[in-house]
Structure formats: C-alpha cells, structure tokens
Amino acid sequence: MAETTAAIQPGEKQGLKTKSFTFFSDVSREMRKVSWPKREELQDATVITLVLCLILAAFTFGIDKLFETVIRGIFNIF
C-alpha cells in the first residue's frame, strides 16, 4: 500500500486541499515506479489483440449463423 506524504493522527481531519495534495503526490510517486512497455512491445500487443478480436468476432458470427440455421430448420421459418 502506498505511504501517504502527510502523517495524520487518529481523529484528525484533513481539508480538501491537503487531501488533494496528498493524493496527487502519491499518484506522482507511484507513476515513477511504473515500467512502461517499449514501442515495439506495445505495437506487437496491439496487433495480437486486434487479430484475436477479429478471430473471436468471426467465430461468434459463425456460431450465430449455425444456430440460426438450426432454429429455422426446426421451426420451418423462412
């Protein structure tokens, strides 16, 4: 868990200004710890994601058409 920049005693209330400063200070500190992917890694992950989305969309479309055909055959709906 992130450490806060201001030590607060139990029962002590913080103002909105202090809470906001503490929050953004903590966010800034945590963002420095993030390991960001290289451009090539990000492009590879994006391509993989798009290809998998297209494959799943085609699979879902195929299953939907199969079920539609079966249901129309069962109920003789044209």
PDB file of N, CA and C in Angstrom:
ATOM      1  N   MET A   1       0.842  -1.171   0.000  1.00  0.00           N
ATOM      2  CA  MET A   1       0.000   0.000   0.000  1.00  0.00           C
ATOM      3  C   MET A   1       0.889   1.236   0.000  1.00  0.00           C
ATOM      4  N   ALA A   2       0.465   2.258  -0.666  1.00  0.00           N
ATOM      5  CA  ALA A   2       1.257   3.477  -0.784  1.00  0.00           C
ATOM      6  C   ALA A   2       1.292   4.219   0.540  1.00  0.00           C
ATOM      7  N   GLU A   3       2.447   4.779   0.829  1.00  0.00           N
ATOM      8  CA  GLU A   3       2.573   5.599   2.026  1.00  0.00           C
ATOM      9  C   GLU A   3       2.066   6.995   1.700  1.00  0.00           C
ATOM     10  N   THR A   4       1.442   7.599   2.673  1.00  0.00           N
ATOM     11  CA  THR A   4       0.975   8.959   2.444  1.00  0.00           C
ATOM     12  C   THR A   4       2.074   9.936   2.807  1.00  0.00           C
ATOM     13  N   THR A   5       2.037  11.108   2.199  1.00  0.00           N
ATOM     14  CA  THR A   5       3.087  12.090   2.440  1.00  0.00           C
ATOM     15  C   THR A   5       2.884  12.838   3.747  1.00  0.00           C
ATOM     16  N   ALA A   6       1.666  12.946   4.195  1.00  0.00           N
ATOM     17  CA  ALA A   6       1.401  13.671   5.435  1.00  0.00           C
ATOM     18  C   ALA A   6       0.960  12.687   6.504  1.00  0.00           C
ATOM     19  N   ALA A   7       1.605  12.767   7.661  1.00  0.00           N
ATOM     20  CA  ALA A   7       1.222  11.902   8.773  1.00  0.00           C
ATOM     21  C   ALA A   7      -0.004  12.505   9.447  1.00  0.00           C
ATOM     22  N   ILE A   8      -1.027  11.702   9.609  1.00  0.00           N
ATOM     23  CA  ILE A   8      -2.277  12.175  10.206  1.00  0.00           C
ATOM     24  C   ILE A   8      -2.499  11.401  11.490  1.00  0.00           C
ATOM     25  N   GLN A   9      -2.807  12.113  12.517  1.00  0.00           N
ATOM     26  CA  GLN A   9      -3.114  11.494  13.791  1.00  0.00           C
ATOM     27  C   GLN A   9      -4.546  10.984  13.758  1.00  0.00           C
ATOM     28  N   PRO A  10      -4.830   9.889  14.469  1.00  0.00           N
ATOM     29  CA  PRO A  10      -6.204   9.378  14.515  1.00  0.00           C
ATOM     30  C   PRO A  10      -7.164  10.444  15.017  1.00  0.00           C
ATOM     31  N   GLY A  11      -8.277  10.586  14.362  1.00  0.00           N
ATOM     32  CA  GLY A  11      -9.293  11.550  14.743  1.00  0.00           C
ATOM     33  C   GLY A  11      -9.074  12.926  14.144  1.00  0.00           C
ATOM     34  N   GLU A  12      -7.911  13.163  13.543  1.00  0.00           N
ATOM     35  CA  GLU A  12      -7.617  14.454  12.935  1.00  0.00           C
ATOM     36  C   GLU A  12      -8.227  14.501  11.544  1.00  0.00           C
ATOM     37  N   LYS A  13      -8.860  15.613  11.212  1.00  0.00           N
ATOM     38  CA  LYS A  13      -9.496  15.755   9.908  1.00  0.00           C
ATOM     39  C   LYS A  13      -8.575  16.519   8.971  1.00  0.00           C
ATOM     40  N   GLN A  14      -8.608  16.133   7.697  1.00  0.00           N
ATOM     41  CA  GLN A  14      -7.846  16.826   6.661  1.00  0.00           C
ATOM     42  C   GLN A  14      -8.794  17.659   5.825  1.00  0.00           C
ATOM     43  N   GLY A  15      -8.304  18.781   5.358  1.00  0.00           N
ATOM     44  CA  GLY A  15      -9.088  19.596   4.451  1.00  0.00           C
ATOM     45  C   GLY A  15      -8.980  19.050   3.040  1.00  0.00           C
ATOM     46  N   LEU A  16      -9.847  19.529   2.166  1.00  0.00           N
ATOM     47  CA  LEU A  16      -9.858  19.098   0.775  1.00  0.00           C
ATOM     48  C   LEU A  16      -8.531  19.407   0.099  1.00  0.00           C
ATOM     49  N   LYS A  17      -7.959  20.552   0.410  1.00  0.00           N
ATOM     50  CA  LYS A  17      -6.690  20.951  -0.194  1.00  0.00           C
ATOM     51  C   LYS A  17      -5.575  19.976   0.189  1.00  0.00           C
ATOM     52  N   THR A  18      -5.512  19.593   1.452  1.00  0.00           N
ATOM     53  CA  THR A  18      -4.493  18.662   1.928  1.00  0.00           C
ATOM     54  C   THR A  18      -4.710  17.276   1.333  1.00  0.00           C
ATOM     55  N   LYS A  19      -5.967  16.828   1.290  1.00  0.00           N
ATOM     56  CA  LYS A  19      -6.274  15.516   0.709  1.00  0.00           C
ATOM     57  C   LYS A  19      -5.879  15.477  -0.766  1.00  0.00           C
ATOM     58  N   SER A  20      -6.206  16.547  -1.490  1.00  0.00           N
ATOM     59  CA  SER A  20      -5.881  16.607  -2.917  1.00  0.00           C
ATOM     60  C   SER A  20      -4.372  16.574  -3.126  1.00  0.00           C
ATOM     61  N   PHE A  21      -3.650  17.363  -2.360  1.00  0.00           N
ATOM     62  CA  PHE A  21      -2.190  17.388  -2.485  1.00  0.00           C
ATOM     63  C   PHE A  21      -1.603  16.017  -2.186  1.00  0.00           C
ATOM     64  N   THR A  22      -2.082  15.379  -1.123  1.00  0.00           N
ATOM     65  CA  THR A  22      -1.598  14.047  -0.755  1.00  0.00           C
ATOM     66  C   THR A  22      -1.886  13.043  -1.866  1.00  0.00           C
ATOM     67  N   PHE A  23      -3.094  13.088  -2.402  1.00  0.00           N
ATOM     68  CA  PHE A  23      -3.473  12.159  -3.466  1.00  0.00           C
ATOM     69  C   PHE A  23      -2.571  12.311  -4.685  1.00  0.00           C
ATOM     70  N   PHE A  24      -2.418  13.542  -5.184  1.00  0.00           N
ATOM     71  CA  PHE A  24      -1.622  13.757  -6.384  1.00  0.00           C
ATOM     72  C   PHE A  24      -0.143  13.487  -6.140  1.00  0.00           C
ATOM     73  N   SER A  25       0.317  13.733  -4.942  1.00  0.00           N
ATOM     74  CA  SER A  25       1.697  13.411  -4.591  1.00  0.00           C
ATOM     75  C   SER A  25       1.916  11.893  -4.631  1.00  0.00           C
ATOM     76  N   ASP A  26       0.956  11.142  -4.080  1.00  0.00           N
ATOM     77  CA  ASP A  26       1.036   9.678  -4.105  1.00  0.00           C
ATOM     78  C   ASP A  26       0.957   9.140  -5.528  1.00  0.00           C
ATOM     79  N   VAL A  27       0.079   9.719  -6.341  1.00  0.00           N
ATOM     80  CA  VAL A  27      -0.049   9.296  -7.742  1.00  0.00           C
ATOM     81  C   VAL A  27       1.265   9.531  -8.478  1.00  0.00           C
ATOM     82  N   SER A  28       1.853  10.686  -8.275  1.00  0.00           N
ATOM     83  CA  SER A  28       3.120  11.012  -8.929  1.00  0.00           C
ATOM     84  C   SER A  28       4.215  10.021  -8.528  1.00  0.00           C
ATOM     85  N   ARG A  29       4.291   9.696  -7.256  1.00  0.00           N
ATOM     86  CA  ARG A  29       5.298   8.752  -6.769  1.00  0.00           C
ATOM     87  C   ARG A  29       5.082   7.355  -7.371  1.00  0.00           C
ATOM     88  N   GLU A  30       3.829   6.918  -7.442  1.00  0.00           N
ATOM     89  CA  GLU A  30       3.535   5.589  -7.995  1.00  0.00           C
ATOM     90  C   GLU A  30       3.803   5.541  -9.497  1.00  0.00           C
ATOM     91  N   MET A  31       3.523   6.628 -10.221  1.00  0.00           N
ATOM     92  CA  MET A  31       3.742   6.656 -11.667  1.00  0.00           C
ATOM     93  C   MET A  31       5.228   6.517 -12.008  1.00  0.00           C
ATOM     94  N   ARG A  32       6.111   6.989 -11.120  1.00  0.00           N
ATOM     95  CA  ARG A  32       7.550   6.818 -11.362  1.00  0.00           C
ATOM     96  C   ARG A  32       7.976   5.365 -11.251  1.00  0.00           C
ATOM     97  N   LYS A  33       7.186   4.533 -10.558  1.00  0.00           N
ATOM     98  CA  LYS A  33       7.513   3.118 -10.377  1.00  0.00           C
ATOM     99  C   LYS A  33       7.039   2.243 -11.544  1.00  0.00           C
ATOM    100  N   VAL A  34       6.168   2.790 -12.381  1.00  0.00           N
ATOM    101  CA  VAL A  34       5.577   2.012 -13.472  1.00  0.00           C
ATOM    102  C   VAL A  34       6.636   1.685 -14.516  1.00  0.00           C
ATOM    103  N   SER A  35       6.634   0.448 -14.986  1.00  0.00           N
ATOM    104  CA  SER A  35       7.532   0.072 -16.080  1.00  0.00           C
ATOM    105  C   SER A  35       6.704   0.061 -17.357  1.00  0.00           C
ATOM    106  N   TRP A  36       6.930   1.041 -18.213  1.00  0.00           N
ATOM    107  CA  TRP A  36       6.155   1.215 -19.430  1.00  0.00           C
ATOM    108  C   TRP A  36       6.740   0.351 -20.535  1.00  0.00           C
ATOM    109  N   PRO A  37       5.905  -0.240 -21.401  1.00  0.00           N
ATOM    110  CA  PRO A  37       6.421  -1.076 -22.484  1.00  0.00           C
ATOM    111  C   PRO A  37       7.113  -0.234 -23.557  1.00  0.00           C
ATOM    112  N   LYS A  38       8.046  -0.873 -24.247  1.00  0.00           N
ATOM    113  CA  LYS A  38       8.707  -0.218 -25.383  1.00  0.00           C
ATOM    114  C   LYS A  38       7.698  -0.122 -26.524  1.00  0.00           C
ATOM    115  N   ARG A  39       7.979   0.748 -27.494  1.00  0.00           N
ATOM    116  CA  ARG A  39       7.063   0.972 -28.617  1.00  0.00           C
ATOM    117  C   ARG A  39       6.793  -0.327 -29.375  1.00  0.00           C
ATOM    118  N   GLU A  40       7.837  -1.114 -29.616  1.00  0.00           N
ATOM    119  CA  GLU A  40       7.676  -2.375 -30.365  1.00  0.00           C
ATOM    120  C   GLU A  40       6.792  -3.357 -29.594  1.00  0.00           C
ATOM    121  N   GLU A  41       6.977  -3.441 -28.281  1.00  0.00           N
ATOM    122  CA  GLU A  41       6.152  -4.335 -27.465  1.00  0.00           C
ATOM    123  C   GLU A  41       4.689  -3.911 -27.511  1.00  0.00           C
ATOM    124  N   LEU A  42       4.461  -2.615 -27.457  1.00  0.00           N
ATOM    125  CA  LEU A  42       3.096  -2.099 -27.499  1.00  0.00           C
ATOM    126  C   LEU A  42       2.441  -2.378 -28.847  1.00  0.00           C
ATOM    127  N   GLN A  43       3.205  -2.208 -29.937  1.00  0.00           N
ATOM    128  CA  GLN A  43       2.666  -2.492 -31.271  1.00  0.00           C
ATOM    129  C   GLN A  43       2.352  -3.974 -31.417  1.00  0.00           C
ATOM    130  N   ASP A  44       3.244  -4.845 -30.935  1.00  0.00           N
ATOM    131  CA  ASP A  44       3.001  -6.287 -31.009  1.00  0.00           C
ATOM    132  C   ASP A  44       1.743  -6.669 -30.232  1.00  0.00           C
ATOM    133  N   ALA A  45       1.603  -6.132 -29.031  1.00  0.00           N
ATOM    134  CA  ALA A  45       0.437  -6.447 -28.209  1.00  0.00           C
ATOM    135  C   ALA A  45      -0.845  -5.933 -28.871  1.00  0.00           C
ATOM    136  N   THR A  46      -0.775  -4.782 -29.510  1.00  0.00           N
ATOM    137  CA  THR A  46      -1.942  -4.222 -30.192  1.00  0.00           C
ATOM    138  C   THR A  46      -2.363  -5.094 -31.369  1.00  0.00           C
ATOM    139  N   VAL A  47      -1.396  -5.542 -32.157  1.00  0.00           N
ATOM    140  CA  VAL A  47      -1.699  -6.401 -33.308  1.00  0.00           C
ATOM    141  C   VAL A  47      -2.306  -7.716 -32.834  1.00  0.00           C
ATOM    142  N   ILE A  48      -1.720  -8.312 -31.804  1.00  0.00           N
ATOM    143  CA  ILE A  48      -2.247  -9.573 -31.269  1.00  0.00           C
ATOM    144  C   ILE A  48      -3.680  -9.386 -30.790  1.00  0.00           C
ATOM    145  N   THR A  49      -3.943  -8.283 -30.088  1.00  0.00           N
ATOM    146  CA  THR A  49      -5.289  -8.009 -29.578  1.00  0.00           C
ATOM    147  C   THR A  49      -6.295  -7.855 -30.721  1.00  0.00           C
ATOM    148  N   LEU A  50      -5.924  -7.101 -31.749  1.00  0.00           N
ATOM    149  CA  LEU A  50      -6.835  -6.899 -32.883  1.00  0.00           C
ATOM    150  C   LEU A  50      -7.102  -8.203 -33.628  1.00  0.00           C
ATOM    151  N   VAL A  51      -6.067  -8.999 -33.847  1.00  0.00           N
ATOM    152  CA  VAL A  51      -6.244 -10.283 -34.542  1.00  0.00           C
ATOM    153  C   VAL A  51      -7.154 -11.204 -33.735  1.00  0.00           C
ATOM    154  N   LEU A  52      -6.923 -11.286 -32.431  1.00  0.00           N
ATOM    155  CA  LEU A  52      -7.766 -12.146 -31.600  1.00  0.00           C
ATOM    156  C   LEU A  52      -9.209 -11.653 -31.573  1.00  0.00           C
ATOM    157  N   CYS A  53      -9.416 -10.337 -31.571  1.00  0.00           N
ATOM    158  CA  CYS A  53     -10.783  -9.796 -31.617  1.00  0.00           C
ATOM    159  C   CYS A  53     -11.467 -10.183 -32.923  1.00  0.00           C
ATOM    160  N   LEU A  54     -10.741 -10.104 -34.029  1.00  0.00           N
ATOM    161  CA  LEU A  54     -11.322 -10.483 -35.317  1.00  0.00           C
ATOM    162  C   LEU A  54     -11.646 -11.975 -35.358  1.00  0.00           C
ATOM    163  N   ILE A  55     -10.756 -12.802 -34.818  1.00  0.00           N
ATOM    164  CA  ILE A  55     -10.999 -14.249 -34.790  1.00  0.00           C
ATOM    165  C   ILE A  55     -12.230 -14.561 -33.944  1.00  0.00           C
ATOM    166  N   LEU A  56     -12.323 -13.943 -32.771  1.00  0.00           N
ATOM    167  CA  LEU A  56     -13.479 -14.189 -31.909  1.00  0.00           C
ATOM    168  C   LEU A  56     -14.767 -13.660 -32.529  1.00  0.00           C
ATOM    169  N   ALA A  57     -14.701 -12.533 -33.217  1.00  0.00           N
ATOM    170  CA  ALA A  57     -15.889 -11.999 -33.894  1.00  0.00           C
ATOM    171  C   ALA A  57     -16.341 -12.958 -34.991  1.00  0.00           C
ATOM    172  N   ALA A  58     -15.401 -13.485 -35.784  1.00  0.00           N
ATOM    173  CA  ALA A  58     -15.742 -14.432 -36.847  1.00  0.00           C
ATOM    174  C   ALA A  58     -16.322 -15.718 -36.257  1.00  0.00           C
ATOM    175  N   PHE A  59     -15.741 -16.195 -35.165  1.00  0.00           N
ATOM    176  CA  PHE A  59     -16.233 -17.401 -34.502  1.00  0.00           C
ATOM    177  C   PHE A  59     -17.659 -17.185 -33.993  1.00  0.00           C
ATOM    178  N   THR A  60     -17.894 -16.058 -33.343  1.00  0.00           N
ATOM    179  CA  THR A  60     -19.227 -15.749 -32.826  1.00  0.00           C
ATOM    180  C   THR A  60     -20.235 -15.628 -33.964  1.00  0.00           C
ATOM    181  N   PHE A  61     -19.840 -14.985 -35.053  1.00  0.00           N
ATOM    182  CA  PHE A  61     -20.712 -14.861 -36.218  1.00  0.00           C
ATOM    183  C   PHE A  61     -21.062 -16.247 -36.764  1.00  0.00           C
ATOM    184  N   GLY A  62     -20.060 -17.119 -36.880  1.00  0.00           N
ATOM    185  CA  GLY A  62     -20.291 -18.462 -37.394  1.00  0.00           C
ATOM    186  C   GLY A  62     -21.227 -19.268 -36.515  1.00  0.00           C
ATOM    187  N   ILE A  63     -21.026 -19.210 -35.207  1.00  0.00           N
ATOM    188  CA  ILE A  63     -21.894 -19.930 -34.276  1.00  0.00           C
ATOM    189  C   ILE A  63     -23.319 -19.374 -34.354  1.00  0.00           C
ATOM    190  N   ASP A  64     -23.437 -18.060 -34.446  1.00  0.00           N
ATOM    191  CA  ASP A  64     -24.757 -17.433 -34.549  1.00  0.00           C
ATOM    192  C   ASP A  64     -25.479 -17.898 -35.809  1.00  0.00           C
ATOM    193  N   LYS A  65     -24.782 -17.920 -36.935  1.00  0.00           N
ATOM    194  CA  LYS A  65     -25.404 -18.373 -38.188  1.00  0.00           C
ATOM    195  C   LYS A  65     -25.774 -19.845 -38.111  1.00  0.00           C
ATOM    196  N   LEU A  66     -24.937 -20.655 -37.467  1.00  0.00           N
ATOM    197  CA  LEU A  66     -25.235 -22.077 -37.304  1.00  0.00           C
ATOM    198  C   LEU A  66     -26.517 -22.261 -36.495  1.00  0.00           C
ATOM    199  N   PHE A  67     -26.607 -21.567 -35.354  1.00  0.00           N
ATOM    200  CA  PHE A  67     -27.808 -21.665 -34.535  1.00  0.00           C
ATOM    201  C   PHE A  67     -29.036 -21.144 -35.273  1.00  0.00           C
ATOM    202  N   GLU A  68     -28.866 -20.063 -36.031  1.00  0.00           N
ATOM    203  CA  GLU A  68     -29.982 -19.525 -36.799  1.00  0.00           C
ATOM    204  C   GLU A  68     -30.498 -20.569 -37.789  1.00  0.00           C
ATOM    205  N   THR A  69     -29.592 -21.232 -38.485  1.00  0.00           N
ATOM    206  CA  THR A  69     -29.965 -22.260 -39.460  1.00  0.00           C
ATOM    207  C   THR A  69     -30.680 -23.423 -38.777  1.00  0.00           C
ATOM    208  N   VAL A  70     -30.156 -23.852 -37.634  1.00  0.00           N
ATOM    209  CA  VAL A  70     -30.756 -24.967 -36.908  1.00  0.00           C
ATOM    210  C   VAL A  70     -32.156 -24.576 -36.434  1.00  0.00           C
ATOM    211  N   ILE A  71     -32.296 -23.420 -35.847  1.00  0.00           N
ATOM    212  CA  ILE A  71     -33.604 -22.980 -35.337  1.00  0.00           C
ATOM    213  C   ILE A  71     -34.604 -22.830 -36.478  1.00  0.00           C
ATOM    214  N   ARG A  72     -34.167 -22.223 -37.598  1.00  0.00           N
ATOM    215  CA  ARG A  72     -35.073 -22.093 -38.748  1.00  0.00           C
ATOM    216  C   ARG A  72     -35.478 -23.475 -39.282  1.00  0.00           C
ATOM    217  N   GLY A  73     -34.555 -24.438 -39.269  1.00  0.00           N
ATOM    218  CA  GLY A  73     -34.877 -25.777 -39.720  1.00  0.00           C
ATOM    219  C   GLY A  73     -35.861 -26.468 -38.789  1.00  0.00           C
ATOM    220  N   ILE A  74     -35.695 -26.249 -37.486  1.00  0.00           N
ATOM    221  CA  ILE A  74     -36.599 -26.880 -36.517  1.00  0.00           C
ATOM    222  C   ILE A  74     -38.014 -26.332 -36.656  1.00  0.00           C
ATOM    223  N   PHE A  75     -38.145 -25.025 -36.776  1.00  0.00           N
ATOM    224  CA  PHE A  75     -39.461 -24.407 -36.805  1.00  0.00           C
ATOM    225  C   PHE A  75     -39.945 -24.111 -38.214  1.00  0.00           C
ATOM    226  N   ASN A  76     -39.197 -24.504 -39.252  1.00  0.00           N
ATOM    227  CA  ASN A  76     -39.550 -24.272 -40.648  1.00  0.00           C
ATOM    228  C   ASN A  76     -39.895 -22.812 -40.918  1.00  0.00           C
ATOM    229  N   ILE A  77     -39.068 -21.917 -40.427  1.00  0.00           N
ATOM    230  CA  ILE A  77     -39.277 -20.499 -40.636  1.00  0.00           C
ATOM    231  C   ILE A  77     -38.387 -20.058 -41.806  1.00  0.00           C
ATOM    232  N   PHE A  78     -38.985 -19.407 -42.773  1.00  0.00           N
ATOM    233  CA  PHE A  78     -38.188 -18.931 -43.920  1.00  0.00           C
ATOM    234  C   PHE A  78     -38.342 -17.490 -44.089  1.00  0.00           C
TER     235      PHE A  78
END
